[in-house]
Amino acid sequence: MTQPRWAVVVPVKRLAVAKSRLRGALPGVPHEELALALAADTLRAVLACPAVAEALVVTDDPRVAAAARAAGARVLPDEADAGLNAAFRHGAAGATAGWVAGITADVPALRPAELAGALLAAQHGRPGVRRFLPDAPGGGTVLLTAGPGVPLDPRFGVGSAVAHAASGALPLDGDWPSLRRDVDTAADLTAAARLGLGPRTAALVAAGRPARAG
């Protein structure tokens, strides 16, 4: 079966308030630069995935919007203070492809082939059922998918893996370490670096040593 072309929604907060738990992770590197690099490397991998027809970045940050447009993504304005799930719903409503996925903007080690593998697995799942991929620790969610005519119905946030399962979504089974490795803390950044970071995040890590996690 030919893999369908997907619309992938990538919400990105305003850089001033994004990734607050990462503040100080790279001494000497402005926090906003690190938050932008995580999102840019995530988006770069999404756009390089052969299964992806379009990427929709939902943001109100002008720097994020400019970087997304330059990379080839479509930018949709965020609804002020509406939250992450509202941003996912807004992006999904603007998608032109029938298959829709939402991905968090903090997977800077993401490999396009791993994303393609997860999307293919979602396509071959039970018809009409949303699929989700837990993050590396298992409690969060990095990817949520929905087939044609099925609402994305995101439940991102604390304990989102359980919330997505309770909403009827089924977990994806597969070994996609770069996709599951989201970055919330300095320790996460170190783990992502072991997998191989995207170019913008890698350059910042080279410029500033990560703070010791603890």
N, C-alpha and C. Protein backbone atom coordinates (compact mmCIF):
# COMPACT_ATOMS: atom_id res chain seq x y z
N MET A 1 0.85 -1.19 0.00
CA MET A 1 0.00 0.00 0.00
C MET A 1 0.88 1.24 0.00
N THR A 2 0.53 2.21 -0.80
CA THR A 2 1.29 3.44 -0.86
C THR A 2 1.00 4.27 0.39
N GLN A 3 2.06 4.78 0.98
CA GLN A 3 1.86 5.60 2.17
C GLN A 3 1.26 6.94 1.78
N PRO A 4 0.22 7.41 2.49
CA PRO A 4 -0.38 8.68 2.15
C PRO A 4 0.52 9.84 2.53
N ARG A 5 0.23 10.96 1.98
CA ARG A 5 0.95 12.17 2.33
C ARG A 5 0.25 12.84 3.50
N TRP A 6 1.03 13.19 4.49
CA TRP A 6 0.51 13.66 5.77
C TRP A 6 0.65 15.17 5.92
N ALA A 7 -0.26 15.76 6.68
CA ALA A 7 -0.11 17.11 7.21
C ALA A 7 0.35 16.97 8.66
N VAL A 8 1.43 17.65 9.00
CA VAL A 8 1.98 17.56 10.35
C VAL A 8 1.90 18.94 11.01
N VAL A 9 1.26 18.98 12.17
CA VAL A 9 1.06 20.21 12.92
C VAL A 9 2.13 20.32 14.00
N VAL A 10 2.81 21.47 14.06
CA VAL A 10 3.88 21.70 15.02
C VAL A 10 3.61 23.02 15.77
N PRO A 11 2.97 22.98 16.93
CA PRO A 11 2.78 24.21 17.69
C PRO A 11 4.08 24.64 18.37
N VAL A 12 4.32 25.95 18.39
CA VAL A 12 5.52 26.49 19.05
C VAL A 12 5.11 27.70 19.87
N LYS A 13 5.39 27.66 21.15
CA LYS A 13 5.09 28.78 22.04
C LYS A 13 5.96 29.99 21.69
N ARG A 14 5.58 31.14 22.23
CA ARG A 14 6.46 32.31 22.16
C ARG A 14 7.78 31.95 22.84
N LEU A 15 8.88 32.31 22.20
CA LEU A 15 10.19 31.87 22.68
C LEU A 15 10.49 32.36 24.10
N ALA A 16 9.95 33.48 24.48
CA ALA A 16 10.22 34.02 25.81
C ALA A 16 9.68 33.13 26.92
N VAL A 17 8.65 32.32 26.62
CA VAL A 17 8.05 31.48 27.65
C VAL A 17 8.20 29.99 27.35
N ALA A 18 8.84 29.65 26.24
CA ALA A 18 8.96 28.24 25.84
C ALA A 18 10.07 27.54 26.63
N LYS A 19 9.87 26.25 26.88
CA LYS A 19 10.90 25.37 27.45
C LYS A 19 11.52 25.95 28.72
N SER A 20 10.69 26.36 29.66
CA SER A 20 11.18 27.04 30.86
C SER A 20 12.09 26.15 31.70
N ARG A 21 11.88 24.85 31.67
CA ARG A 21 12.71 23.95 32.48
C ARG A 21 14.12 23.80 31.91
N LEU A 22 14.32 24.31 30.71
CA LEU A 22 15.64 24.24 30.08
C LEU A 22 16.49 25.48 30.36
N ARG A 23 15.94 26.47 31.04
CA ARG A 23 16.72 27.69 31.27
C ARG A 23 18.01 27.36 32.01
N GLY A 24 19.13 27.86 31.48
CA GLY A 24 20.43 27.61 32.08
C GLY A 24 21.08 26.32 31.64
N ALA A 25 20.43 25.56 30.77
CA ALA A 25 21.00 24.28 30.35
C ALA A 25 22.29 24.46 29.57
N LEU A 26 22.38 25.57 28.82
CA LEU A 26 23.60 25.87 28.06
C LEU A 26 24.12 27.23 28.50
N PRO A 27 25.03 27.26 29.47
CA PRO A 27 25.55 28.54 29.96
C PRO A 27 26.15 29.36 28.81
N GLY A 28 25.81 30.62 28.79
CA GLY A 28 26.33 31.50 27.76
C GLY A 28 25.49 31.54 26.49
N VAL A 29 24.50 30.65 26.38
CA VAL A 29 23.62 30.62 25.21
C VAL A 29 22.27 31.19 25.62
N PRO A 30 21.79 32.24 24.93
CA PRO A 30 20.47 32.79 25.28
C PRO A 30 19.39 31.72 25.19
N HIS A 31 18.50 31.71 26.18
CA HIS A 31 17.49 30.67 26.24
C HIS A 31 16.61 30.65 25.01
N GLU A 32 16.25 31.83 24.51
CA GLU A 32 15.39 31.88 23.34
C GLU A 32 16.05 31.25 22.12
N GLU A 33 17.37 31.35 22.03
CA GLU A 33 18.08 30.72 20.91
C GLU A 33 17.96 29.21 20.99
N LEU A 34 18.06 28.67 22.19
CA LEU A 34 17.94 27.22 22.36
C LEU A 34 16.52 26.76 22.03
N ALA A 35 15.52 27.48 22.53
CA ALA A 35 14.13 27.09 22.23
C ALA A 35 13.86 27.14 20.73
N LEU A 36 14.40 28.16 20.06
CA LEU A 36 14.22 28.26 18.61
C LEU A 36 14.94 27.13 17.88
N ALA A 37 16.12 26.77 18.34
CA ALA A 37 16.87 25.69 17.70
C ALA A 37 16.15 24.36 17.81
N LEU A 38 15.57 24.07 18.97
CA LEU A 38 14.84 22.82 19.14
C LEU A 38 13.69 22.74 18.13
N ALA A 39 12.95 23.84 18.02
CA ALA A 39 11.81 23.85 17.10
C ALA A 39 12.28 23.78 15.65
N ALA A 40 13.35 24.49 15.31
CA ALA A 40 13.83 24.51 13.94
C ALA A 40 14.34 23.14 13.50
N ASP A 41 15.03 22.45 14.40
CA ASP A 41 15.54 21.12 14.03
C ASP A 41 14.41 20.10 13.94
N THR A 42 13.42 20.24 14.81
CA THR A 42 12.24 19.37 14.70
C THR A 42 11.56 19.59 13.35
N LEU A 43 11.34 20.84 13.00
CA LEU A 43 10.66 21.16 11.75
C LEU A 43 11.48 20.73 10.54
N ARG A 44 12.77 20.88 10.62
CA ARG A 44 13.65 20.46 9.52
C ARG A 44 13.46 18.97 9.22
N ALA A 45 13.42 18.15 10.27
CA ALA A 45 13.25 16.71 10.09
C ALA A 45 11.86 16.38 9.57
N VAL A 46 10.84 17.10 10.07
CA VAL A 46 9.47 16.87 9.60
C VAL A 46 9.38 17.13 8.10
N LEU A 47 9.94 18.25 7.65
CA LEU A 47 9.86 18.61 6.24
C LEU A 47 10.68 17.67 5.35
N ALA A 48 11.69 17.04 5.93
CA ALA A 48 12.52 16.11 5.17
C ALA A 48 11.92 14.71 5.10
N CYS A 49 10.85 14.47 5.85
CA CYS A 49 10.21 13.15 5.86
C CYS A 49 9.44 12.94 4.56
N PRO A 50 9.68 11.85 3.85
CA PRO A 50 9.02 11.65 2.55
C PRO A 50 7.51 11.46 2.65
N ALA A 51 6.98 11.15 3.83
CA ALA A 51 5.54 10.96 3.98
C ALA A 51 4.79 12.26 4.19
N VAL A 52 5.51 13.35 4.41
CA VAL A 52 4.88 14.62 4.79
C VAL A 52 4.63 15.49 3.57
N ALA A 53 3.36 15.87 3.39
CA ALA A 53 2.99 16.77 2.30
C ALA A 53 3.08 18.23 2.72
N GLU A 54 2.76 18.51 3.97
CA GLU A 54 2.83 19.88 4.45
C GLU A 54 3.06 19.88 5.96
N ALA A 55 3.76 20.92 6.40
CA ALA A 55 3.95 21.15 7.83
C ALA A 55 3.28 22.47 8.18
N LEU A 56 2.50 22.46 9.24
CA LEU A 56 1.79 23.66 9.69
C LEU A 56 2.31 24.04 11.07
N VAL A 57 2.96 25.19 11.16
CA VAL A 57 3.49 25.68 12.42
C VAL A 57 2.49 26.68 12.99
N VAL A 58 2.04 26.41 14.20
CA VAL A 58 1.08 27.29 14.87
C VAL A 58 1.84 28.08 15.92
N THR A 59 1.96 29.38 15.71
CA THR A 59 2.77 30.20 16.61
C THR A 59 2.36 31.66 16.52
N ASP A 60 2.65 32.39 17.58
CA ASP A 60 2.51 33.84 17.59
C ASP A 60 3.87 34.52 17.71
N ASP A 61 4.94 33.74 17.68
CA ASP A 61 6.27 34.31 17.81
C ASP A 61 6.81 34.70 16.44
N PRO A 62 7.19 35.95 16.21
CA PRO A 62 7.64 36.37 14.88
C PRO A 62 8.92 35.68 14.41
N ARG A 63 9.82 35.38 15.32
CA ARG A 63 11.06 34.70 14.92
C ARG A 63 10.77 33.26 14.50
N VAL A 64 9.92 32.60 15.24
CA VAL A 64 9.53 31.24 14.88
C VAL A 64 8.83 31.24 13.53
N ALA A 65 7.91 32.18 13.35
CA ALA A 65 7.16 32.26 12.10
C ALA A 65 8.09 32.49 10.92
N ALA A 66 9.06 33.39 11.07
CA ALA A 66 9.99 33.66 9.98
C ALA A 66 10.84 32.44 9.65
N ALA A 67 11.32 31.75 10.68
CA ALA A 67 12.13 30.55 10.45
C ALA A 67 11.30 29.44 9.80
N ALA A 68 10.05 29.31 10.21
CA ALA A 68 9.19 28.27 9.65
C ALA A 68 8.90 28.54 8.18
N ARG A 69 8.58 29.79 7.85
CA ARG A 69 8.32 30.11 6.45
C ARG A 69 9.57 29.90 5.59
N ALA A 70 10.72 30.27 6.12
CA ALA A 70 11.96 30.09 5.38
C ALA A 70 12.24 28.61 5.12
N ALA A 71 11.83 27.75 6.04
CA ALA A 71 12.05 26.32 5.89
C ALA A 71 11.06 25.67 4.93
N GLY A 72 9.95 26.37 4.64
CA GLY A 72 8.95 25.81 3.73
C GLY A 72 7.67 25.38 4.40
N ALA A 73 7.48 25.74 5.67
CA ALA A 73 6.25 25.39 6.38
C ALA A 73 5.20 26.48 6.19
N ARG A 74 3.96 26.12 6.45
CA ARG A 74 2.86 27.08 6.47
C ARG A 74 2.65 27.51 7.92
N VAL A 75 2.50 28.80 8.13
CA VAL A 75 2.36 29.34 9.49
C VAL A 75 0.92 29.77 9.73
N LEU A 76 0.37 29.33 10.86
CA LEU A 76 -0.96 29.74 11.29
C LEU A 76 -0.83 30.49 12.61
N PRO A 77 -1.54 31.59 12.78
CA PRO A 77 -1.46 32.33 14.04
C PRO A 77 -2.06 31.53 15.19
N ASP A 78 -1.38 31.58 16.32
CA ASP A 78 -1.88 30.91 17.52
C ASP A 78 -2.99 31.75 18.12
N GLU A 79 -3.83 31.12 18.90
CA GLU A 79 -4.85 31.84 19.66
C GLU A 79 -4.25 32.17 21.01
N ALA A 80 -4.16 33.44 21.31
CA ALA A 80 -3.46 33.89 22.50
C ALA A 80 -3.94 33.17 23.75
N ASP A 81 -2.98 32.56 24.46
CA ASP A 81 -3.23 31.92 25.75
C ASP A 81 -4.27 30.80 25.70
N ALA A 82 -4.52 30.25 24.52
CA ALA A 82 -5.51 29.18 24.41
C ALA A 82 -4.92 27.82 24.78
N GLY A 83 -3.60 27.70 24.75
CA GLY A 83 -2.96 26.46 25.17
C GLY A 83 -2.55 25.55 24.03
N LEU A 84 -1.78 24.54 24.39
CA LEU A 84 -1.18 23.64 23.41
C LEU A 84 -2.23 22.85 22.63
N ASN A 85 -3.22 22.31 23.31
CA ASN A 85 -4.21 21.48 22.61
C ASN A 85 -5.04 22.31 21.64
N ALA A 86 -5.34 23.53 22.00
CA ALA A 86 -6.06 24.41 21.07
C ALA A 86 -5.20 24.68 19.84
N ALA A 87 -3.89 24.83 20.03
CA ALA A 87 -2.99 25.05 18.89
C ALA A 87 -2.98 23.83 17.97
N PHE A 88 -2.95 22.64 18.55
CA PHE A 88 -3.01 21.43 17.73
C PHE A 88 -4.32 21.36 16.96
N ARG A 89 -5.42 21.67 17.61
CA ARG A 89 -6.72 21.63 16.93
C ARG A 89 -6.79 22.66 15.81
N HIS A 90 -6.26 23.84 16.07
CA HIS A 90 -6.26 24.91 15.07
C HIS A 90 -5.45 24.49 13.85
N GLY A 91 -4.28 23.91 14.08
CA GLY A 91 -3.46 23.46 12.96
C GLY A 91 -4.12 22.34 12.19
N ALA A 92 -4.72 21.40 12.89
CA ALA A 92 -5.38 20.27 12.22
C ALA A 92 -6.55 20.77 11.36
N ALA A 93 -7.26 21.79 11.84
CA ALA A 93 -8.39 22.33 11.08
C ALA A 93 -7.93 22.99 9.79
N GLY A 94 -6.68 23.46 9.76
CA GLY A 94 -6.16 24.11 8.56
C GLY A 94 -5.44 23.18 7.61
N ALA A 95 -5.35 21.90 7.95
CA ALA A 95 -4.61 20.95 7.12
C ALA A 95 -5.36 20.66 5.83
N THR A 96 -4.60 20.44 4.76
CA THR A 96 -5.20 20.09 3.47
C THR A 96 -5.07 18.60 3.17
N ALA A 97 -4.15 17.91 3.82
CA ALA A 97 -4.01 16.46 3.63
C ALA A 97 -5.02 15.73 4.50
N GLY A 98 -5.42 14.54 4.07
CA GLY A 98 -6.42 13.78 4.81
C GLY A 98 -5.89 13.17 6.09
N TRP A 99 -4.65 12.77 6.08
CA TRP A 99 -4.01 12.19 7.26
C TRP A 99 -3.30 13.32 8.00
N VAL A 100 -3.54 13.41 9.31
CA VAL A 100 -3.01 14.52 10.10
C VAL A 100 -2.26 13.98 11.31
N ALA A 101 -1.12 14.58 11.60
CA ALA A 101 -0.35 14.23 12.79
C ALA A 101 0.02 15.50 13.52
N GLY A 102 0.06 15.41 14.83
CA GLY A 102 0.58 16.49 15.66
C GLY A 102 1.85 16.02 16.33
N ILE A 103 2.88 16.87 16.30
CA ILE A 103 4.15 16.51 16.91
C ILE A 103 4.64 17.67 17.77
N THR A 104 5.25 17.36 18.89
CA THR A 104 5.79 18.40 19.75
C THR A 104 7.04 19.00 19.11
N ALA A 105 7.32 20.25 19.45
CA ALA A 105 8.41 21.00 18.79
C ALA A 105 9.72 20.89 19.54
N ASP A 106 9.94 19.76 20.21
CA ASP A 106 11.14 19.63 21.03
C ASP A 106 11.80 18.26 20.87
N VAL A 107 11.87 17.80 19.62
CA VAL A 107 12.54 16.53 19.33
C VAL A 107 13.69 16.81 18.35
N PRO A 108 14.76 17.47 18.83
CA PRO A 108 15.81 17.96 17.94
C PRO A 108 16.71 16.88 17.35
N ALA A 109 16.60 15.64 17.85
CA ALA A 109 17.38 14.54 17.27
C ALA A 109 16.57 13.76 16.24
N LEU A 110 15.38 14.21 15.94
CA LEU A 110 14.46 13.47 15.08
C LEU A 110 15.07 13.13 13.73
N ARG A 111 14.91 11.86 13.33
CA ARG A 111 15.34 11.40 12.02
C ARG A 111 14.10 11.25 11.13
N PRO A 112 14.13 11.80 9.93
CA PRO A 112 12.97 11.72 9.04
C PRO A 112 12.50 10.29 8.80
N ALA A 113 13.44 9.34 8.72
CA ALA A 113 13.05 7.95 8.47
C ALA A 113 12.27 7.38 9.65
N GLU A 114 12.59 7.79 10.87
CA GLU A 114 11.85 7.29 12.02
C GLU A 114 10.44 7.87 12.05
N LEU A 115 10.30 9.14 11.70
CA LEU A 115 8.97 9.72 11.61
C LEU A 115 8.16 9.01 10.53
N ALA A 116 8.78 8.74 9.39
CA ALA A 116 8.08 8.02 8.31
C ALA A 116 7.63 6.65 8.78
N GLY A 117 8.46 5.96 9.55
CA GLY A 117 8.10 4.65 10.06
C GLY A 117 6.91 4.70 11.00
N ALA A 118 6.88 5.72 11.87
CA ALA A 118 5.76 5.86 12.79
C ALA A 118 4.47 6.20 12.04
N LEU A 119 4.55 7.07 11.04
CA LEU A 119 3.37 7.42 10.27
C LEU A 119 2.85 6.23 9.47
N LEU A 120 3.76 5.43 8.96
CA LEU A 120 3.35 4.24 8.23
C LEU A 120 2.64 3.25 9.16
N ALA A 121 3.17 3.10 10.37
CA ALA A 121 2.53 2.22 11.34
C ALA A 121 1.13 2.73 11.70
N ALA A 122 0.99 4.05 11.81
CA ALA A 122 -0.32 4.62 12.11
C ALA A 122 -1.29 4.38 10.97
N GLN A 123 -0.81 4.50 9.75
CA GLN A 123 -1.66 4.26 8.58
C GLN A 123 -2.19 2.83 8.54
N HIS A 124 -1.37 1.89 8.96
CA HIS A 124 -1.73 0.49 8.88
C HIS A 124 -2.46 0.00 10.12
N GLY A 125 -2.79 0.91 11.03
CA GLY A 125 -3.51 0.53 12.24
C GLY A 125 -4.99 0.36 11.97
N ARG A 126 -5.74 0.17 13.03
CA ARG A 126 -7.17 -0.02 12.92
C ARG A 126 -7.84 1.22 12.33
N PRO A 127 -8.64 1.09 11.29
CA PRO A 127 -9.27 2.26 10.66
C PRO A 127 -10.11 3.06 11.66
N GLY A 128 -10.04 4.36 11.55
CA GLY A 128 -10.86 5.24 12.38
C GLY A 128 -10.37 5.43 13.79
N VAL A 129 -9.19 4.88 14.13
CA VAL A 129 -8.67 4.97 15.49
C VAL A 129 -7.41 5.84 15.50
N ARG A 130 -7.38 6.82 16.37
CA ARG A 130 -6.19 7.65 16.52
C ARG A 130 -5.07 6.84 17.14
N ARG A 131 -3.84 7.22 16.80
CA ARG A 131 -2.67 6.54 17.36
C ARG A 131 -1.76 7.58 18.01
N PHE A 132 -1.06 7.18 19.06
CA PHE A 132 -0.14 8.12 19.71
C PHE A 132 1.16 7.40 20.06
N LEU A 133 2.22 8.19 20.19
CA LEU A 133 3.53 7.64 20.56
C LEU A 133 3.99 8.29 21.85
N PRO A 134 4.15 7.50 22.92
CA PRO A 134 4.66 8.07 24.16
C PRO A 134 6.11 8.55 24.01
N ASP A 135 6.49 9.50 24.86
CA ASP A 135 7.88 9.94 24.86
C ASP A 135 8.76 8.89 25.52
N ALA A 136 10.05 9.16 25.58
CA ALA A 136 11.00 8.17 26.11
C ALA A 136 10.69 7.78 27.56
N PRO A 137 10.36 8.71 28.45
CA PRO A 137 10.00 8.28 29.81
C PRO A 137 8.69 7.51 29.89
N GLY A 138 7.79 7.72 28.92
CA GLY A 138 6.55 6.95 28.86
C GLY A 138 5.30 7.68 29.30
N GLY A 139 5.43 8.79 30.02
CA GLY A 139 4.25 9.47 30.52
C GLY A 139 3.68 10.52 29.59
N GLY A 140 4.53 11.08 28.74
CA GLY A 140 4.11 12.11 27.82
C GLY A 140 3.84 11.57 26.43
N THR A 141 3.54 12.46 25.51
CA THR A 141 3.24 12.10 24.13
C THR A 141 4.05 12.99 23.20
N VAL A 142 4.67 12.41 22.19
CA VAL A 142 5.40 13.22 21.21
C VAL A 142 4.68 13.27 19.87
N LEU A 143 3.81 12.30 19.59
CA LEU A 143 3.15 12.23 18.29
C LEU A 143 1.74 11.71 18.46
N LEU A 144 0.79 12.36 17.78
CA LEU A 144 -0.60 11.92 17.76
C LEU A 144 -1.06 11.95 16.31
N THR A 145 -1.74 10.89 15.86
CA THR A 145 -2.15 10.82 14.45
C THR A 145 -3.64 10.53 14.33
N ALA A 146 -4.18 10.99 13.21
CA ALA A 146 -5.60 10.74 12.91
C ALA A 146 -5.76 10.56 11.42
N GLY A 147 -6.59 9.59 11.01
CA GLY A 147 -6.85 9.35 9.61
C GLY A 147 -7.89 10.30 9.05
N PRO A 148 -8.18 10.19 7.76
CA PRO A 148 -9.16 11.07 7.13
C PRO A 148 -10.51 11.02 7.82
N GLY A 149 -11.07 12.18 8.12
CA GLY A 149 -12.38 12.27 8.75
C GLY A 149 -12.40 12.03 10.24
N VAL A 150 -11.24 11.76 10.84
CA VAL A 150 -11.16 11.50 12.28
C VAL A 150 -10.58 12.73 12.97
N PRO A 151 -11.25 13.33 13.93
CA PRO A 151 -10.69 14.48 14.65
C PRO A 151 -9.40 14.11 15.37
N LEU A 152 -8.44 15.03 15.40
CA LEU A 152 -7.18 14.75 16.09
C LEU A 152 -7.41 14.63 17.59
N ASP A 153 -8.25 15.45 18.16
CA ASP A 153 -8.65 15.38 19.58
C ASP A 153 -7.44 15.25 20.50
N PRO A 154 -6.55 16.24 20.52
CA PRO A 154 -5.32 16.15 21.30
C PRO A 154 -5.55 16.27 22.80
N ARG A 155 -4.74 15.56 23.57
CA ARG A 155 -4.80 15.61 25.03
C ARG A 155 -3.39 15.81 25.59
N PHE A 156 -2.60 16.66 24.96
CA PHE A 156 -1.22 16.88 25.40
C PHE A 156 -1.20 17.60 26.74
N GLY A 157 -0.12 17.38 27.49
CA GLY A 157 0.04 17.96 28.81
C GLY A 157 0.56 16.89 29.76
N VAL A 158 0.57 17.20 31.03
CA VAL A 158 1.05 16.23 32.03
C VAL A 158 0.19 14.97 31.98
N GLY A 159 0.86 13.81 31.91
CA GLY A 159 0.13 12.55 31.85
C GLY A 159 -0.61 12.31 30.56
N SER A 160 -0.11 12.88 29.45
CA SER A 160 -0.86 12.82 28.20
C SER A 160 -0.95 11.42 27.60
N ALA A 161 0.02 10.56 27.89
CA ALA A 161 -0.07 9.20 27.34
C ALA A 161 -1.31 8.49 27.90
N VAL A 162 -1.52 8.61 29.19
CA VAL A 162 -2.71 8.02 29.80
C VAL A 162 -3.97 8.70 29.29
N ALA A 163 -3.91 10.03 29.14
CA ALA A 163 -5.08 10.78 28.67
C ALA A 163 -5.45 10.40 27.23
N HIS A 164 -4.45 10.23 26.39
CA HIS A 164 -4.74 9.82 25.01
C HIS A 164 -5.32 8.41 24.96
N ALA A 165 -4.76 7.51 25.77
CA ALA A 165 -5.29 6.15 25.81
C ALA A 165 -6.73 6.15 26.32
N ALA A 166 -7.01 6.96 27.33
CA ALA A 166 -8.36 7.01 27.88
C ALA A 166 -9.35 7.59 26.88
N SER A 167 -8.86 8.40 25.93
CA SER A 167 -9.74 9.00 24.94
C SER A 167 -10.01 8.07 23.76
N GLY A 168 -9.41 6.88 23.77
CA GLY A 168 -9.64 5.90 22.72
C GLY A 168 -8.50 5.74 21.74
N ALA A 169 -7.46 6.55 21.87
CA ALA A 169 -6.29 6.40 20.99
C ALA A 169 -5.49 5.17 21.41
N LEU A 170 -4.80 4.57 20.45
CA LEU A 170 -3.98 3.39 20.72
C LEU A 170 -2.50 3.74 20.57
N PRO A 171 -1.66 3.17 21.44
CA PRO A 171 -0.23 3.47 21.33
C PRO A 171 0.39 2.82 20.09
N LEU A 172 1.37 3.49 19.54
CA LEU A 172 2.14 2.95 18.43
C LEU A 172 3.28 2.10 18.98
N ASP A 173 3.51 0.97 18.36
CA ASP A 173 4.60 0.09 18.77
C ASP A 173 5.71 0.19 17.73
N GLY A 174 6.88 0.60 18.17
CA GLY A 174 8.01 0.70 17.25
C GLY A 174 9.21 1.27 17.95
N ASP A 175 10.37 1.02 17.38
CA ASP A 175 11.63 1.49 17.97
C ASP A 175 12.07 2.74 17.22
N TRP A 176 11.62 3.89 17.70
CA TRP A 176 11.94 5.16 17.07
C TRP A 176 12.54 6.10 18.12
N PRO A 177 13.77 5.83 18.55
CA PRO A 177 14.34 6.57 19.69
C PRO A 177 14.48 8.07 19.44
N SER A 178 14.78 8.47 18.23
CA SER A 178 14.95 9.91 17.99
C SER A 178 13.61 10.64 18.02
N LEU A 179 12.54 9.96 17.70
CA LEU A 179 11.20 10.56 17.74
C LEU A 179 10.69 10.62 19.18
N ARG A 180 11.01 9.64 19.97
CA ARG A 180 10.51 9.59 21.34
C ARG A 180 11.30 10.49 22.29
N ARG A 181 12.49 10.98 21.84
CA ARG A 181 13.36 11.74 22.73
C ARG A 181 13.03 13.23 22.70
N ASP A 182 11.99 13.63 23.45
CA ASP A 182 11.72 15.06 23.57
C ASP A 182 12.68 15.66 24.60
N VAL A 183 12.77 16.97 24.61
CA VAL A 183 13.76 17.65 25.44
C VAL A 183 13.06 18.66 26.33
N ASP A 184 12.99 18.35 27.63
CA ASP A 184 12.41 19.27 28.61
C ASP A 184 13.44 19.76 29.62
N THR A 185 14.50 18.98 29.82
CA THR A 185 15.50 19.30 30.84
C THR A 185 16.91 19.18 30.26
N ALA A 186 17.90 19.60 31.05
CA ALA A 186 19.29 19.48 30.62
C ALA A 186 19.67 18.01 30.42
N ALA A 187 19.14 17.13 31.26
CA ALA A 187 19.43 15.71 31.11
C ALA A 187 18.85 15.17 29.80
N ASP A 188 17.66 15.65 29.44
CA ASP A 188 17.06 15.25 28.16
C ASP A 188 17.92 15.72 26.99
N LEU A 189 18.45 16.93 27.10
CA LEU A 189 19.29 17.46 26.03
C LEU A 189 20.54 16.61 25.86
N THR A 190 21.12 16.19 26.97
CA THR A 190 22.29 15.31 26.90
C THR A 190 21.94 13.98 26.25
N ALA A 191 20.78 13.43 26.59
CA ALA A 191 20.34 12.17 25.98
C ALA A 191 20.10 12.34 24.49
N ALA A 192 19.51 13.47 24.10
CA ALA A 192 19.29 13.73 22.68
C ALA A 192 20.60 13.89 21.93
N ALA A 193 21.57 14.50 22.58
CA ALA A 193 22.88 14.68 21.95
C ALA A 193 23.54 13.34 21.66
N ARG A 194 23.30 12.36 22.52
CA ARG A 194 23.87 11.03 22.27
C ARG A 194 23.26 10.39 21.03
N LEU A 195 22.03 10.76 20.70
CA LEU A 195 21.37 10.23 19.50
C LEU A 195 21.82 10.96 18.25
N GLY A 196 22.27 12.21 18.42
CA GLY A 196 22.68 13.02 17.28
C GLY A 196 21.70 14.15 17.03
N LEU A 197 22.09 15.36 17.40
CA LEU A 197 21.20 16.51 17.31
C LEU A 197 21.14 17.06 15.89
N GLY A 198 20.06 17.78 15.60
CA GLY A 198 19.99 18.53 14.37
C GLY A 198 21.00 19.66 14.38
N PRO A 199 21.25 20.30 13.24
CA PRO A 199 22.37 21.23 13.13
C PRO A 199 22.29 22.46 14.02
N ARG A 200 21.11 23.06 14.17
CA ARG A 200 21.04 24.28 14.97
C ARG A 200 21.25 24.00 16.45
N THR A 201 20.64 22.94 16.95
CA THR A 201 20.83 22.61 18.36
C THR A 201 22.26 22.13 18.60
N ALA A 202 22.80 21.37 17.67
CA ALA A 202 24.18 20.88 17.82
C ALA A 202 25.16 22.04 17.90
N ALA A 203 24.94 23.08 17.10
CA ALA A 203 25.84 24.24 17.12
C ALA A 203 25.78 24.95 18.46
N LEU A 204 24.59 25.05 19.05
CA LEU A 204 24.48 25.69 20.35
C LEU A 204 25.12 24.85 21.45
N VAL A 205 24.93 23.54 21.39
CA VAL A 205 25.56 22.67 22.37
C VAL A 205 27.08 22.77 22.29
N ALA A 206 27.59 22.90 21.07
CA ALA A 206 29.04 23.05 20.90
C ALA A 206 29.53 24.39 21.48
N ALA A 207 28.62 25.38 21.50
CA ALA A 207 29.01 26.71 21.98
C ALA A 207 28.88 26.86 23.48
N GLY A 208 28.11 26.00 24.10
CA GLY A 208 27.88 26.12 25.54
C GLY A 208 27.74 24.75 26.16
N ARG A 209 28.47 24.49 27.22
CA ARG A 209 28.43 23.18 27.88
C ARG A 209 27.14 23.04 28.68
N PRO A 210 26.40 21.92 28.53
CA PRO A 210 25.17 21.73 29.31
C PRO A 210 25.44 21.77 30.81
N ALA A 211 24.53 22.38 31.54
CA ALA A 211 24.63 22.38 33.00
C ALA A 211 24.40 20.98 33.53
N ARG A 212 24.96 20.67 34.68
CA ARG A 212 24.78 19.35 35.29
C ARG A 212 23.35 19.20 35.76
N ALA A 213 22.72 18.09 35.37
CA ALA A 213 21.33 17.83 35.79
C ALA A 213 21.32 17.42 37.25
N GLY A 214 20.27 17.76 37.93
CA GLY A 214 20.18 17.35 39.31
C GLY A 214 18.93 17.90 39.97
